[in-house]
Amino acid sequence: MSYVAPQKYHIKVRLYNEEIAFGKGIAQILELVELHGSLAAAYKEMGMSSSKAWKILQRAEADLGFPLLKSVSGGAHGGGTEVTPEGKELVEKYRQFEAQVQECAANAFASIFR
């Protein structure tokens, strides 16, 4: 039997200080909060429970040392949730880092497993 090179690979990109806290899922939650102005709308769109969404957000905030979300009081248009400036910056940098890691991995994979 001869060697057959694998056709696929998978890379996970996660950020943290002490415990794995920030990755693809939480980045998506924050992007959806930004889009909808609501944490509930974000986790529902992802098919996630409220308790799971809060758990991963709280774990990330504890590890990172800053808040990712802030509540907005009601008014003429009602209340909601906003992504903090630090949260927005983290998502932006995470997406840039993730894209570069995936590009490097794709190049390495193609070079090694041709």
PDB file of N, CA and C in Angstrom:
ATOM      1  N   MET A   1       0.850  -1.181   0.000  1.00  0.00           N
ATOM      2  CA  MET A   1       0.000   0.000   0.000  1.00  0.00           C
ATOM      3  C   MET A   1       0.897   1.246   0.000  1.00  0.00           C
ATOM      4  N   SER A   2       0.552   2.228  -0.816  1.00  0.00           N
ATOM      5  CA  SER A   2       1.381   3.423  -0.920  1.00  0.00           C
ATOM      6  C   SER A   2       0.774   4.593  -0.125  1.00  0.00           C
ATOM      7  N   TYR A   3       1.649   5.508   0.200  1.00  0.00           N
ATOM      8  CA  TYR A   3       1.253   6.703   0.952  1.00  0.00           C
ATOM      9  C   TYR A   3       0.304   7.569   0.131  1.00  0.00           C
ATOM     10  N   VAL A   4      -0.782   7.997   0.735  1.00  0.00           N
ATOM     11  CA  VAL A   4      -1.725   8.922   0.106  1.00  0.00           C
ATOM     12  C   VAL A   4      -1.819  10.152   1.008  1.00  0.00           C
ATOM     13  N   ALA A   5      -1.497  11.308   0.463  1.00  0.00           N
ATOM     14  CA  ALA A   5      -1.475  12.547   1.256  1.00  0.00           C
ATOM     15  C   ALA A   5      -2.882  12.934   1.700  1.00  0.00           C
ATOM     16  N   PRO A   6      -3.006  13.458   2.911  1.00  0.00           N
ATOM     17  CA  PRO A   6      -4.307  13.949   3.368  1.00  0.00           C
ATOM     18  C   PRO A   6      -4.770  15.106   2.482  1.00  0.00           C
ATOM     19  N   GLN A   7      -6.070  15.265   2.388  1.00  0.00           N
ATOM     20  CA  GLN A   7      -6.638  16.295   1.535  1.00  0.00           C
ATOM     21  C   GLN A   7      -7.073  17.547   2.310  1.00  0.00           C
ATOM     22  N   LYS A   8      -7.244  17.425   3.631  1.00  0.00           N
ATOM     23  CA  LYS A   8      -7.780  18.530   4.424  1.00  0.00           C
ATOM     24  C   LYS A   8      -7.022  18.672   5.736  1.00  0.00           C
ATOM     25  N   TYR A   9      -7.189  19.824   6.364  1.00  0.00           N
ATOM     26  CA  TYR A   9      -6.630  20.066   7.690  1.00  0.00           C
ATOM     27  C   TYR A   9      -7.571  21.024   8.423  1.00  0.00           C
ATOM     28  N   HIS A  10      -7.352  21.188   9.717  1.00  0.00           N
ATOM     29  CA  HIS A  10      -8.192  22.090  10.508  1.00  0.00           C
ATOM     30  C   HIS A  10      -7.321  22.795  11.545  1.00  0.00           C
ATOM     31  N   ILE A  11      -7.429  24.101  11.610  1.00  0.00           N
ATOM     32  CA  ILE A  11      -6.685  24.913  12.568  1.00  0.00           C
ATOM     33  C   ILE A  11      -7.695  25.703  13.395  1.00  0.00           C
ATOM     34  N   LYS A  12      -7.555  25.665  14.719  1.00  0.00           N
ATOM     35  CA  LYS A  12      -8.370  26.501  15.609  1.00  0.00           C
ATOM     36  C   LYS A  12      -7.494  27.633  16.114  1.00  0.00           C
ATOM     37  N   VAL A  13      -8.027  28.838  16.074  1.00  0.00           N
ATOM     38  CA  VAL A  13      -7.300  29.998  16.573  1.00  0.00           C
ATOM     39  C   VAL A  13      -8.051  30.509  17.804  1.00  0.00           C
ATOM     40  N   ARG A  14      -7.365  30.451  18.947  1.00  0.00           N
ATOM     41  CA  ARG A  14      -7.973  30.912  20.199  1.00  0.00           C
ATOM     42  C   ARG A  14      -6.967  31.765  20.951  1.00  0.00           C
ATOM     43  N   LEU A  15      -7.470  32.772  21.639  1.00  0.00           N
ATOM     44  CA  LEU A  15      -6.646  33.713  22.386  1.00  0.00           C
ATOM     45  C   LEU A  15      -6.947  33.620  23.867  1.00  0.00           C
ATOM     46  N   TYR A  16      -5.926  33.827  24.685  1.00  0.00           N
ATOM     47  CA  TYR A  16      -6.159  33.806  26.133  1.00  0.00           C
ATOM     48  C   TYR A  16      -4.921  34.259  26.879  1.00  0.00           C
ATOM     49  N   ASN A  17      -5.121  34.536  28.147  1.00  0.00           N
ATOM     50  CA  ASN A  17      -4.013  34.845  29.048  1.00  0.00           C
ATOM     51  C   ASN A  17      -3.680  33.626  29.898  1.00  0.00           C
ATOM     52  N   GLU A  18      -4.663  33.089  30.602  1.00  0.00           N
ATOM     53  CA  GLU A  18      -4.454  31.925  31.475  1.00  0.00           C
ATOM     54  C   GLU A  18      -5.271  30.710  31.030  1.00  0.00           C
ATOM     55  N   GLU A  19      -6.529  30.932  30.661  1.00  0.00           N
ATOM     56  CA  GLU A  19      -7.418  29.844  30.240  1.00  0.00           C
ATOM     57  C   GLU A  19      -8.002  30.197  28.879  1.00  0.00           C
ATOM     58  N   ILE A  20      -8.145  29.223  28.001  1.00  0.00           N
ATOM     59  CA  ILE A  20      -8.670  29.485  26.662  1.00  0.00           C
ATOM     60  C   ILE A  20      -9.999  30.213  26.794  1.00  0.00           C
ATOM     61  N   ALA A  21     -10.059  31.428  26.216  1.00  0.00           N
ATOM     62  CA  ALA A  21     -11.196  32.292  26.485  1.00  0.00           C
ATOM     63  C   ALA A  21     -11.834  32.888  25.244  1.00  0.00           C
ATOM     64  N   PHE A  22     -11.117  33.054  24.167  1.00  0.00           N
ATOM     65  CA  PHE A  22     -11.649  33.795  23.025  1.00  0.00           C
ATOM     66  C   PHE A  22     -11.317  33.077  21.735  1.00  0.00           C
ATOM     67  N   GLY A  23     -12.364  32.791  20.961  1.00  0.00           N
ATOM     68  CA  GLY A  23     -12.180  32.122  19.686  1.00  0.00           C
ATOM     69  C   GLY A  23     -13.289  32.485  18.724  1.00  0.00           C
ATOM     70  N   LYS A  24     -13.464  31.633  17.745  1.00  0.00           N
ATOM     71  CA  LYS A  24     -14.411  31.849  16.664  1.00  0.00           C
ATOM     72  C   LYS A  24     -15.840  32.109  17.164  1.00  0.00           C
ATOM     73  N   GLY A  25     -16.292  31.320  18.125  1.00  0.00           N
ATOM     74  CA  GLY A  25     -17.668  31.440  18.607  1.00  0.00           C
ATOM     75  C   GLY A  25     -17.949  32.750  19.295  1.00  0.00           C
ATOM     76  N   ILE A  26     -17.073  33.156  20.197  1.00  0.00           N
ATOM     77  CA  ILE A  26     -17.310  34.397  20.918  1.00  0.00           C
ATOM     78  C   ILE A  26     -17.131  35.601  19.997  1.00  0.00           C
ATOM     79  N   ALA A  27     -16.222  35.502  19.019  1.00  0.00           N
ATOM     80  CA  ALA A  27     -16.089  36.570  18.021  1.00  0.00           C
ATOM     81  C   ALA A  27     -17.396  36.718  17.254  1.00  0.00           C
ATOM     82  N   GLN A  28     -18.008  35.600  16.907  1.00  0.00           N
ATOM     83  CA  GLN A  28     -19.281  35.636  16.180  1.00  0.00           C
ATOM     84  C   GLN A  28     -20.384  36.238  17.038  1.00  0.00           C
ATOM     85  N   ILE A  29     -20.435  35.890  18.315  1.00  0.00           N
ATOM     86  CA  ILE A  29     -21.433  36.489  19.207  1.00  0.00           C
ATOM     87  C   ILE A  29     -21.282  38.010  19.210  1.00  0.00           C
ATOM     88  N   LEU A  30     -20.054  38.491  19.374  1.00  0.00           N
ATOM     89  CA  LEU A  30     -19.832  39.933  19.428  1.00  0.00           C
ATOM     90  C   LEU A  30     -20.191  40.600  18.098  1.00  0.00           C
ATOM     91  N   GLU A  31     -19.893  39.966  16.992  1.00  0.00           N
ATOM     92  CA  GLU A  31     -20.261  40.520  15.683  1.00  0.00           C
ATOM     93  C   GLU A  31     -21.781  40.589  15.529  1.00  0.00           C
ATOM     94  N   LEU A  32     -22.473  39.582  16.028  1.00  0.00           N
ATOM     95  CA  LEU A  32     -23.941  39.576  15.931  1.00  0.00           C
ATOM     96  C   LEU A  32     -24.563  40.582  16.896  1.00  0.00           C
ATOM     97  N   VAL A  33     -23.971  40.775  18.071  1.00  0.00           N
ATOM     98  CA  VAL A  33     -24.445  41.819  18.983  1.00  0.00           C
ATOM     99  C   VAL A  33     -24.285  43.170  18.302  1.00  0.00           C
ATOM    100  N   GLU A  34     -23.175  43.381  17.649  1.00  0.00           N
ATOM    101  CA  GLU A  34     -22.926  44.630  16.922  1.00  0.00           C
ATOM    102  C   GLU A  34     -23.982  44.827  15.834  1.00  0.00           C
ATOM    103  N   LEU A  35     -24.329  43.759  15.157  1.00  0.00           N
ATOM    104  CA  LEU A  35     -25.310  43.825  14.069  1.00  0.00           C
ATOM    105  C   LEU A  35     -26.726  44.077  14.577  1.00  0.00           C
ATOM    106  N   HIS A  36     -27.117  43.341  15.632  1.00  0.00           N
ATOM    107  CA  HIS A  36     -28.507  43.382  16.113  1.00  0.00           C
ATOM    108  C   HIS A  36     -28.735  44.300  17.310  1.00  0.00           C
ATOM    109  N   GLY A  37     -27.671  44.663  18.022  1.00  0.00           N
ATOM    110  CA  GLY A  37     -27.826  45.476  19.228  1.00  0.00           C
ATOM    111  C   GLY A  37     -28.438  44.709  20.382  1.00  0.00           C
ATOM    112  N   SER A  38     -28.308  43.381  20.329  1.00  0.00           N
ATOM    113  CA  SER A  38     -28.941  42.538  21.343  1.00  0.00           C
ATOM    114  C   SER A  38     -28.161  41.235  21.511  1.00  0.00           C
ATOM    115  N   LEU A  39     -27.821  40.927  22.757  1.00  0.00           N
ATOM    116  CA  LEU A  39     -27.174  39.650  23.036  1.00  0.00           C
ATOM    117  C   LEU A  39     -28.147  38.503  22.780  1.00  0.00           C
ATOM    118  N   ALA A  40     -29.402  38.689  23.176  1.00  0.00           N
ATOM    119  CA  ALA A  40     -30.403  37.634  22.970  1.00  0.00           C
ATOM    120  C   ALA A  40     -30.546  37.303  21.487  1.00  0.00           C
ATOM    121  N   ALA A  41     -30.608  38.313  20.639  1.00  0.00           N
ATOM    122  CA  ALA A  41     -30.715  38.063  19.198  1.00  0.00           C
ATOM    123  C   ALA A  41     -29.484  37.330  18.689  1.00  0.00           C
ATOM    124  N   ALA A  42     -28.313  37.681  19.228  1.00  0.00           N
ATOM    125  CA  ALA A  42     -27.063  37.049  18.792  1.00  0.00           C
ATOM    126  C   ALA A  42     -27.039  35.570  19.135  1.00  0.00           C
ATOM    127  N   TYR A  43     -27.285  35.236  20.416  1.00  0.00           N
ATOM    128  CA  TYR A  43     -27.187  33.818  20.780  1.00  0.00           C
ATOM    129  C   TYR A  43     -28.314  32.997  20.186  1.00  0.00           C
ATOM    130  N   LYS A  44     -29.473  33.601  19.978  1.00  0.00           N
ATOM    131  CA  LYS A  44     -30.573  32.869  19.333  1.00  0.00           C
ATOM    132  C   LYS A  44     -30.230  32.552  17.880  1.00  0.00           C
ATOM    133  N   GLU A  45     -29.636  33.512  17.186  1.00  0.00           N
ATOM    134  CA  GLU A  45     -29.244  33.283  15.792  1.00  0.00           C
ATOM    135  C   GLU A  45     -28.218  32.159  15.686  1.00  0.00           C
ATOM    136  N   MET A  46     -27.397  32.030  16.711  1.00  0.00           N
ATOM    137  CA  MET A  46     -26.375  30.983  16.726  1.00  0.00           C
ATOM    138  C   MET A  46     -26.911  29.649  17.240  1.00  0.00           C
ATOM    139  N   GLY A  47     -28.155  29.635  17.714  1.00  0.00           N
ATOM    140  CA  GLY A  47     -28.714  28.405  18.277  1.00  0.00           C
ATOM    141  C   GLY A  47     -28.120  28.064  19.622  1.00  0.00           C
ATOM    142  N   MET A  48     -27.705  29.078  20.364  1.00  0.00           N
ATOM    143  CA  MET A  48     -27.055  28.904  21.659  1.00  0.00           C
ATOM    144  C   MET A  48     -28.006  29.294  22.777  1.00  0.00           C
ATOM    145  N   SER A  49     -27.854  28.673  23.925  1.00  0.00           N
ATOM    146  CA  SER A  49     -28.677  29.029  25.076  1.00  0.00           C
ATOM    147  C   SER A  49     -28.150  30.301  25.726  1.00  0.00           C
ATOM    148  N   SER A  50     -29.025  30.982  26.433  1.00  0.00           N
ATOM    149  CA  SER A  50     -28.649  32.189  27.169  1.00  0.00           C
ATOM    150  C   SER A  50     -27.559  31.884  28.178  1.00  0.00           C
ATOM    151  N   SER A  51     -27.718  30.787  28.914  1.00  0.00           N
ATOM    152  CA  SER A  51     -26.743  30.459  29.959  1.00  0.00           C
ATOM    153  C   SER A  51     -25.362  30.171  29.370  1.00  0.00           C
ATOM    154  N   LYS A  52     -25.307  29.503  28.220  1.00  0.00           N
ATOM    155  CA  LYS A  52     -24.015  29.221  27.594  1.00  0.00           C
ATOM    156  C   LYS A  52     -23.371  30.514  27.107  1.00  0.00           C
ATOM    157  N   ALA A  53     -24.165  31.385  26.487  1.00  0.00           N
ATOM    158  CA  ALA A  53     -23.622  32.658  25.998  1.00  0.00           C
ATOM    159  C   ALA A  53     -23.041  33.472  27.150  1.00  0.00           C
ATOM    160  N   TRP A  54     -23.783  33.590  28.242  1.00  0.00           N
ATOM    161  CA  TRP A  54     -23.285  34.345  29.393  1.00  0.00           C
ATOM    162  C   TRP A  54     -22.046  33.700  29.996  1.00  0.00           C
ATOM    163  N   LYS A  55     -22.032  32.376  30.048  1.00  0.00           N
ATOM    164  CA  LYS A  55     -20.896  31.663  30.631  1.00  0.00           C
ATOM    165  C   LYS A  55     -19.618  31.930  29.847  1.00  0.00           C
ATOM    166  N   ILE A  56     -19.674  31.822  28.522  1.00  0.00           N
ATOM    167  CA  ILE A  56     -18.453  32.025  27.748  1.00  0.00           C
ATOM    168  C   ILE A  56     -18.037  33.495  27.736  1.00  0.00           C
ATOM    169  N   LEU A  57     -19.010  34.404  27.763  1.00  0.00           N
ATOM    170  CA  LEU A  57     -18.672  35.830  27.834  1.00  0.00           C
ATOM    171  C   LEU A  57     -18.004  36.169  29.164  1.00  0.00           C
ATOM    172  N   GLN A  58     -18.559  35.670  30.250  1.00  0.00           N
ATOM    173  CA  GLN A  58     -17.991  35.951  31.567  1.00  0.00           C
ATOM    174  C   GLN A  58     -16.599  35.343  31.711  1.00  0.00           C
ATOM    175  N   ARG A  59     -16.408  34.140  31.195  1.00  0.00           N
ATOM    176  CA  ARG A  59     -15.093  33.489  31.255  1.00  0.00           C
ATOM    177  C   ARG A  59     -14.071  34.300  30.450  1.00  0.00           C
ATOM    178  N   ALA A  60     -14.467  34.766  29.261  1.00  0.00           N
ATOM    179  CA  ALA A  60     -13.561  35.560  28.433  1.00  0.00           C
ATOM    180  C   ALA A  60     -13.223  36.881  29.106  1.00  0.00           C
ATOM    181  N   GLU A  61     -14.222  37.569  29.632  1.00  0.00           N
ATOM    182  CA  GLU A  61     -13.970  38.847  30.298  1.00  0.00           C
ATOM    183  C   GLU A  61     -13.050  38.673  31.507  1.00  0.00           C
ATOM    184  N   ALA A  62     -13.253  37.599  32.268  1.00  0.00           N
ATOM    185  CA  ALA A  62     -12.414  37.343  33.439  1.00  0.00           C
ATOM    186  C   ALA A  62     -10.965  37.096  33.010  1.00  0.00           C
ATOM    187  N   ASP A  63     -10.761  36.312  31.960  1.00  0.00           N
ATOM    188  CA  ASP A  63      -9.409  36.006  31.519  1.00  0.00           C
ATOM    189  C   ASP A  63      -8.742  37.207  30.856  1.00  0.00           C
ATOM    190  N   LEU A  64      -9.486  37.939  30.056  1.00  0.00           N
ATOM    191  CA  LEU A  64      -8.914  39.053  29.316  1.00  0.00           C
ATOM    192  C   LEU A  64      -8.715  40.295  30.184  1.00  0.00           C
ATOM    193  N   GLY A  65      -9.554  40.438  31.208  1.00  0.00           N
ATOM    194  CA  GLY A  65      -9.411  41.561  32.124  1.00  0.00           C
ATOM    195  C   GLY A  65     -10.132  42.828  31.710  1.00  0.00           C
ATOM    196  N   PHE A  66     -11.078  42.706  30.777  1.00  0.00           N
ATOM    197  CA  PHE A  66     -11.887  43.870  30.390  1.00  0.00           C
ATOM    198  C   PHE A  66     -13.241  43.395  29.877  1.00  0.00           C
ATOM    199  N   PRO A  67     -14.261  44.278  29.962  1.00  0.00           N
ATOM    200  CA  PRO A  67     -15.598  43.897  29.498  1.00  0.00           C
ATOM    201  C   PRO A  67     -15.684  43.871  27.972  1.00  0.00           C
ATOM    202  N   LEU A  68     -16.450  42.944  27.461  1.00  0.00           N
ATOM    203  CA  LEU A  68     -16.677  42.833  26.026  1.00  0.00           C
ATOM    204  C   LEU A  68     -17.998  43.464  25.618  1.00  0.00           C
ATOM    205  N   LEU A  69     -18.949  43.499  26.557  1.00  0.00           N
ATOM    206  CA  LEU A  69     -20.281  44.042  26.284  1.00  0.00           C
ATOM    207  C   LEU A  69     -20.661  45.056  27.346  1.00  0.00           C
ATOM    208  N   LYS A  70     -21.573  45.952  26.969  1.00  0.00           N
ATOM    209  CA  LYS A  70     -22.165  46.864  27.943  1.00  0.00           C
ATOM    210  C   LYS A  70     -23.651  46.982  27.626  1.00  0.00           C
ATOM    211  N   SER A  71     -24.452  47.111  28.680  1.00  0.00           N
ATOM    212  CA  SER A  71     -25.893  47.283  28.514  1.00  0.00           C
ATOM    213  C   SER A  71     -26.199  48.733  28.225  1.00  0.00           C
ATOM    214  N   VAL A  72     -27.219  48.943  27.396  1.00  0.00           N
ATOM    215  CA  VAL A  72     -27.668  50.286  27.052  1.00  0.00           C
ATOM    216  C   VAL A  72     -29.077  50.430  27.601  1.00  0.00           C
ATOM    217  N   SER A  73     -29.295  51.475  28.397  1.00  0.00           N
ATOM    218  CA  SER A  73     -30.603  51.700  29.000  1.00  0.00           C
ATOM    219  C   SER A  73     -31.651  51.982  27.935  1.00  0.00           C
ATOM    220  N   GLY A  74     -32.897  51.691  28.283  1.00  0.00           N
ATOM    221  CA  GLY A  74     -34.016  51.935  27.384  1.00  0.00           C
ATOM    222  C   GLY A  74     -34.196  53.410  27.103  1.00  0.00           C
ATOM    223  N   GLY A  75     -35.098  53.711  26.266  1.00  0.00           N
ATOM    224  CA  GLY A  75     -35.393  55.081  25.868  1.00  0.00           C
ATOM    225  C   GLY A  75     -36.441  55.007  24.787  1.00  0.00           C
ATOM    226  N   ALA A  76     -36.416  55.948  23.909  1.00  0.00           N
ATOM    227  CA  ALA A  76     -37.409  55.971  22.826  1.00  0.00           C
ATOM    228  C   ALA A  76     -37.338  54.708  21.967  1.00  0.00           C
ATOM    229  N   HIS A  77     -36.147  54.176  21.829  1.00  0.00           N
ATOM    230  CA  HIS A  77     -35.969  52.987  20.981  1.00  0.00           C
ATOM    231  C   HIS A  77     -35.716  51.723  21.788  1.00  0.00           C
ATOM    232  N   GLY A  78     -35.871  51.780  23.101  1.00  0.00           N
ATOM    233  CA  GLY A  78     -35.642  50.612  23.947  1.00  0.00           C
ATOM    234  C   GLY A  78     -34.176  50.433  24.255  1.00  0.00           C
ATOM    235  N   GLY A  79     -33.884  49.488  25.129  1.00  0.00           N
ATOM    236  CA  GLY A  79     -32.507  49.222  25.533  1.00  0.00           C
ATOM    237  C   GLY A  79     -31.861  48.206  24.624  1.00  0.00           C
ATOM    238  N   GLY A  80     -30.706  47.756  25.025  1.00  0.00           N
ATOM    239  CA  GLY A  80     -30.012  46.761  24.228  1.00  0.00           C
ATOM    240  C   GLY A  80     -28.640  46.493  24.786  1.00  0.00           C
ATOM    241  N   THR A  81     -27.816  45.930  23.966  1.00  0.00           N
ATOM    242  CA  THR A  81     -26.446  45.594  24.336  1.00  0.00           C
ATOM    243  C   THR A  81     -25.521  46.105  23.253  1.00  0.00           C
ATOM    244  N   GLU A  82     -24.371  46.622  23.678  1.00  0.00           N
ATOM    245  CA  GLU A  82     -23.355  47.088  22.738  1.00  0.00           C
ATOM    246  C   GLU A  82     -22.035  46.396  23.033  1.00  0.00           C
ATOM    247  N   VAL A  83     -21.238  46.253  22.008  1.00  0.00           N
ATOM    248  CA  VAL A  83     -19.885  45.733  22.172  1.00  0.00           C
ATOM    249  C   VAL A  83     -19.022  46.915  22.617  1.00  0.00           C
ATOM    250  N   THR A  84     -18.199  46.692  23.637  1.00  0.00           N
ATOM    251  CA  THR A  84     -17.327  47.758  24.130  1.00  0.00           C
ATOM    252  C   THR A  84     -16.257  48.084  23.075  1.00  0.00           C
ATOM    253  N   PRO A  85     -15.656  49.262  23.161  1.00  0.00           N
ATOM    254  CA  PRO A  85     -14.566  49.581  22.227  1.00  0.00           C
ATOM    255  C   PRO A  85     -13.447  48.532  22.279  1.00  0.00           C
ATOM    256  N   GLU A  86     -13.128  48.038  23.486  1.00  0.00           N
ATOM    257  CA  GLU A  86     -12.102  46.994  23.625  1.00  0.00           C
ATOM    258  C   GLU A  86     -12.542  45.706  22.943  1.00  0.00           C
ATOM    259  N   GLY A  87     -13.820  45.380  23.072  1.00  0.00           N
ATOM    260  CA  GLY A  87     -14.356  44.189  22.419  1.00  0.00           C
ATOM    261  C   GLY A  87     -14.295  44.298  20.909  1.00  0.00           C
ATOM    262  N   LYS A  88     -14.628  45.484  20.378  1.00  0.00           N
ATOM    263  CA  LYS A  88     -14.557  45.706  18.927  1.00  0.00           C
ATOM    264  C   LYS A  88     -13.121  45.564  18.421  1.00  0.00           C
ATOM    265  N   GLU A  89     -12.188  46.152  19.162  1.00  0.00           N
ATOM    266  CA  GLU A  89     -10.781  46.077  18.763  1.00  0.00           C
ATOM    267  C   GLU A  89     -10.283  44.635  18.799  1.00  0.00           C
ATOM    268  N   LEU A  90     -10.689  43.894  19.832  1.00  0.00           N
ATOM    269  CA  LEU A  90     -10.274  42.494  19.941  1.00  0.00           C
ATOM    270  C   LEU A  90     -10.811  41.666  18.780  1.00  0.00           C
ATOM    271  N   VAL A  91     -12.078  41.850  18.427  1.00  0.00           N
ATOM    272  CA  VAL A  91     -12.653  41.095  17.307  1.00  0.00           C
ATOM    273  C   VAL A  91     -11.916  41.426  16.017  1.00  0.00           C
ATOM    274  N   GLU A  92     -11.650  42.699  15.791  1.00  0.00           N
ATOM    275  CA  GLU A  92     -10.951  43.112  14.577  1.00  0.00           C
ATOM    276  C   GLU A  92      -9.565  42.483  14.506  1.00  0.00           C
ATOM    277  N   LYS A  93      -8.821  42.548  15.607  1.00  0.00           N
ATOM    278  CA  LYS A  93      -7.469  41.978  15.626  1.00  0.00           C
ATOM    279  C   LYS A  93      -7.507  40.458  15.549  1.00  0.00           C
ATOM    280  N   TYR A  94      -8.498  39.839  16.200  1.00  0.00           N
ATOM    281  CA  TYR A  94      -8.643  38.389  16.130  1.00  0.00           C
ATOM    282  C   TYR A  94      -8.869  37.947  14.683  1.00  0.00           C
ATOM    283  N   ARG A  95      -9.767  38.637  13.979  1.00  0.00           N
ATOM    284  CA  ARG A  95     -10.061  38.275  12.587  1.00  0.00           C
ATOM    285  C   ARG A  95      -8.823  38.446  11.707  1.00  0.00           C
ATOM    286  N   GLN A  96      -8.048  39.498  11.933  1.00  0.00           N
ATOM    287  CA  GLN A  96      -6.810  39.695  11.164  1.00  0.00           C
ATOM    288  C   GLN A  96      -5.819  38.576  11.456  1.00  0.00           C
ATOM    289  N   PHE A  97      -5.634  38.256  12.730  1.00  0.00           N
ATOM    290  CA  PHE A  97      -4.710  37.198  13.133  1.00  0.00           C
ATOM    291  C   PHE A  97      -5.162  35.851  12.570  1.00  0.00           C
ATOM    292  N   GLU A  98      -6.451  35.567  12.707  1.00  0.00           N
ATOM    293  CA  GLU A  98      -7.002  34.304  12.201  1.00  0.00           C
ATOM    294  C   GLU A  98      -6.756  34.166  10.698  1.00  0.00           C
ATOM    295  N   ALA A  99      -6.983  35.240   9.939  1.00  0.00           N
ATOM    296  CA  ALA A  99      -6.786  35.200   8.482  1.00  0.00           C
ATOM    297  C   ALA A  99      -5.318  34.920   8.144  1.00  0.00           C
ATOM    298  N   GLN A 100      -4.402  35.555   8.863  1.00  0.00           N
ATOM    299  CA  GLN A 100      -2.980  35.330   8.597  1.00  0.00           C
ATOM    300  C   GLN A 100      -2.557  33.918   8.970  1.00  0.00           C
ATOM    301  N   VAL A 101      -3.059  33.416  10.092  1.00  0.00           N
ATOM    302  CA  VAL A 101      -2.733  32.045  10.505  1.00  0.00           C
ATOM    303  C   VAL A 101      -3.260  31.056   9.471  1.00  0.00           C
ATOM    304  N   GLN A 102      -4.500  31.255   9.016  1.00  0.00           N
ATOM    305  CA  GLN A 102      -5.083  30.345   8.022  1.00  0.00           C
ATOM    306  C   GLN A 102      -4.319  30.395   6.707  1.00  0.00           C
ATOM    307  N   GLU A 103      -3.878  31.594   6.311  1.00  0.00           N
ATOM    308  CA  GLU A 103      -3.101  31.721   5.075  1.00  0.00           C
ATOM    309  C   GLU A 103      -1.757  30.995   5.197  1.00  0.00           C
ATOM    310  N   CYS A 104      -1.087  31.180   6.328  1.00  0.00           N
ATOM    311  CA  CYS A 104       0.193  30.489   6.558  1.00  0.00           C
ATOM    312  C   CYS A 104      -0.008  28.975   6.577  1.00  0.00           C
ATOM    313  N   ALA A 105      -1.075  28.530   7.239  1.00  0.00           N
ATOM    314  CA  ALA A 105      -1.355  27.100   7.306  1.00  0.00           C
ATOM    315  C   ALA A 105      -1.657  26.538   5.919  1.00  0.00           C
ATOM    316  N   ALA A 106      -2.427  27.255   5.132  1.00  0.00           N
ATOM    317  CA  ALA A 106      -2.754  26.791   3.779  1.00  0.00           C
ATOM    318  C   ALA A 106      -1.485  26.667   2.934  1.00  0.00           C
ATOM    319  N   ASN A 107      -0.616  27.652   3.040  1.00  0.00           N
ATOM    320  CA  ASN A 107       0.640  27.609   2.285  1.00  0.00           C
ATOM    321  C   ASN A 107       1.512  26.442   2.732  1.00  0.00           C
ATOM    322  N   ALA A 108       1.637  26.255   4.039  1.00  0.00           N
ATOM    323  CA  ALA A 108       2.441  25.153   4.572  1.00  0.00           C
ATOM    324  C   ALA A 108       1.853  23.805   4.159  1.00  0.00           C
ATOM    325  N   PHE A 109       0.547  23.669   4.250  1.00  0.00           N
ATOM    326  CA  PHE A 109      -0.121  22.416   3.888  1.00  0.00           C
ATOM    327  C   PHE A 109       0.137  22.098   2.418  1.00  0.00           C
ATOM    328  N   ALA A 110      -0.057  23.092   1.557  1.00  0.00           N
ATOM    329  CA  ALA A 110       0.149  22.881   0.124  1.00  0.00           C
ATOM    330  C   ALA A 110       1.600  22.526  -0.186  1.00  0.00           C
ATOM    331  N   SER A 111       2.524  23.132   0.534  1.00  0.00           N
ATOM    332  CA  SER A 111       3.946  22.880   0.317  1.00  0.00           C
ATOM    333  C   SER A 111       4.361  21.483   0.785  1.00  0.00           C
ATOM    334  N   ILE A 112       3.823  21.067   1.907  1.00  0.00           N
ATOM    335  CA  ILE A 112       4.239  19.804   2.505  1.00  0.00           C
ATOM    336  C   ILE A 112       3.471  18.601   1.977  1.00  0.00           C
ATOM    337  N   PHE A 113       2.173  18.763   1.736  1.00  0.00           N
ATOM    338  CA  PHE A 113       1.332  17.631   1.319  1.00  0.00           C
ATOM    339  C   PHE A 113       0.900  17.715  -0.135  1.00  0.00           C
ATOM    340  N   ARG A 114       1.775  18.126  -1.022  1.00  0.00           N
ATOM    341  CA  ARG A 114       1.378  18.241  -2.431  1.00  0.00           C
ATOM    342  C   ARG A 114       0.998  16.929  -3.021  1.00  0.00           C
TER     343      ARG A 114
END
